[in-house]
Amino acid sequence: MMLPMLFRLRLNRPGRRPINLYIPLLPVYILLLPFILLALVSLPFLAVSKETRQYLPLFKALPSLLAAARGTGISVESEDHTIYLHIK
């Protein structure tokens, strides 16, 4: 299972140069890691109700959900701009 490592954002504007942003996701994962660990440690103690316990499988499935996002491309077009998002 390989997590996505690069997020590409392309903004096309008519009559102007397109903007390309390549965002590495490894620093994002490192920044989110303390929050995920805190949630993993505290959620079982706080999961006293049935509704709260339903969120526990979400944390277990989060890595596979991120791995399945590789290759996802989203294109949004309007009259003025075209935005293209791609997860590599």
Protein backbone atom coordinates (compact mmCIF):
# COMPACT_ATOMS: atom_id res chain seq x y z
CA MET A 1 0.00 0.00 0.00
CA MET A 2 1.58 3.25 -1.18
CA LEU A 3 0.24 6.59 0.04
CA PRO A 4 -0.01 9.53 -2.38
CA MET A 5 3.11 11.68 -2.29
CA LEU A 6 2.31 14.60 -4.60
CA PHE A 7 -0.67 16.88 -5.07
CA ARG A 8 -0.81 18.90 -8.29
CA LEU A 9 -2.98 22.00 -8.68
CA ARG A 10 -3.21 23.65 -12.10
CA LEU A 11 -5.14 26.89 -12.60
CA ASN A 12 -5.70 27.94 -16.21
CA ARG A 13 -6.73 31.53 -16.83
CA PRO A 14 -7.50 32.78 -20.33
CA GLY A 15 -4.96 35.30 -21.59
CA ARG A 16 -2.55 34.61 -18.73
CA ARG A 17 0.04 32.00 -17.89
CA PRO A 18 -1.31 28.96 -16.03
CA ILE A 19 -0.39 28.49 -12.39
CA ASN A 20 1.06 25.08 -11.48
CA LEU A 21 1.50 24.14 -7.84
CA TYR A 22 3.14 20.86 -6.86
CA ILE A 23 2.55 20.18 -3.18
CA PRO A 24 4.48 17.32 -1.55
CA LEU A 25 2.19 15.43 0.80
CA LEU A 26 4.85 13.97 3.11
CA PRO A 27 5.11 17.22 5.18
CA VAL A 28 1.31 17.30 5.36
CA TYR A 29 1.29 13.74 6.72
CA ILE A 30 3.95 14.64 9.28
CA LEU A 31 1.95 17.68 10.42
CA LEU A 32 -1.25 15.63 10.76
CA LEU A 33 0.40 12.70 12.55
CA PRO A 34 0.17 14.15 16.12
CA PHE A 35 -3.54 14.85 15.68
CA ILE A 36 -4.21 11.36 14.34
CA LEU A 37 -2.25 9.76 17.18
CA LEU A 38 -4.07 11.88 19.74
CA ALA A 39 -7.41 10.87 18.26
CA LEU A 40 -6.41 7.19 18.18
CA VAL A 41 -5.43 7.28 21.85
CA SER A 42 -8.37 9.32 23.13
CA LEU A 43 -11.24 8.05 21.00
CA PRO A 44 -11.50 4.56 22.56
CA PHE A 45 -11.79 6.15 26.01
CA LEU A 46 -14.34 8.68 24.80
CA ALA A 47 -16.30 6.14 22.75
CA VAL A 48 -18.87 5.34 25.39
CA SER A 49 -21.93 5.81 23.20
CA LYS A 50 -22.89 3.69 20.23
CA GLU A 51 -22.72 6.66 17.84
CA THR A 52 -19.16 7.47 18.87
CA ARG A 53 -17.98 3.86 18.51
CA GLN A 54 -19.08 3.92 14.88
CA TYR A 55 -16.14 6.24 14.07
CA LEU A 56 -13.49 3.73 15.20
CA PRO A 57 -13.40 1.76 11.88
CA LEU A 58 -12.83 5.06 10.05
CA PHE A 59 -9.39 5.44 11.63
CA LYS A 60 -8.54 1.86 10.73
CA ALA A 61 -9.55 2.42 7.09
CA LEU A 62 -7.89 5.83 6.69
CA PRO A 63 -4.54 4.58 5.24
CA SER A 64 -6.27 2.39 2.66
CA LEU A 65 -8.61 5.27 1.78
CA LEU A 66 -5.62 7.54 1.16
CA ALA A 67 -3.86 4.85 -0.86
CA ALA A 68 -6.94 4.43 -3.03
CA ALA A 69 -6.91 8.17 -3.79
CA ARG A 70 -3.78 7.84 -5.97
CA GLY A 71 -4.48 8.83 -9.55
CA THR A 72 -7.59 10.83 -8.69
CA GLY A 73 -8.14 13.80 -10.97
CA ILE A 74 -10.75 16.52 -10.53
CA SER A 75 -11.42 19.17 -13.15
CA VAL A 76 -13.61 22.21 -12.49
CA GLU A 77 -14.37 24.55 -15.37
CA SER A 78 -16.05 27.94 -15.43
CA GLU A 79 -16.15 30.78 -17.93
CA ASP A 80 -13.08 32.43 -16.40
CA HIS A 81 -10.96 29.62 -14.99
CA THR A 82 -10.19 25.95 -15.25
CA ILE A 83 -8.93 24.22 -12.11
CA TYR A 84 -7.39 20.76 -12.29
CA LEU A 85 -6.46 18.77 -9.19
CA HIS A 86 -4.46 15.55 -9.43
CA ILE A 87 -3.17 13.28 -6.67
CA LYS A 88 -0.03 11.31 -7.59
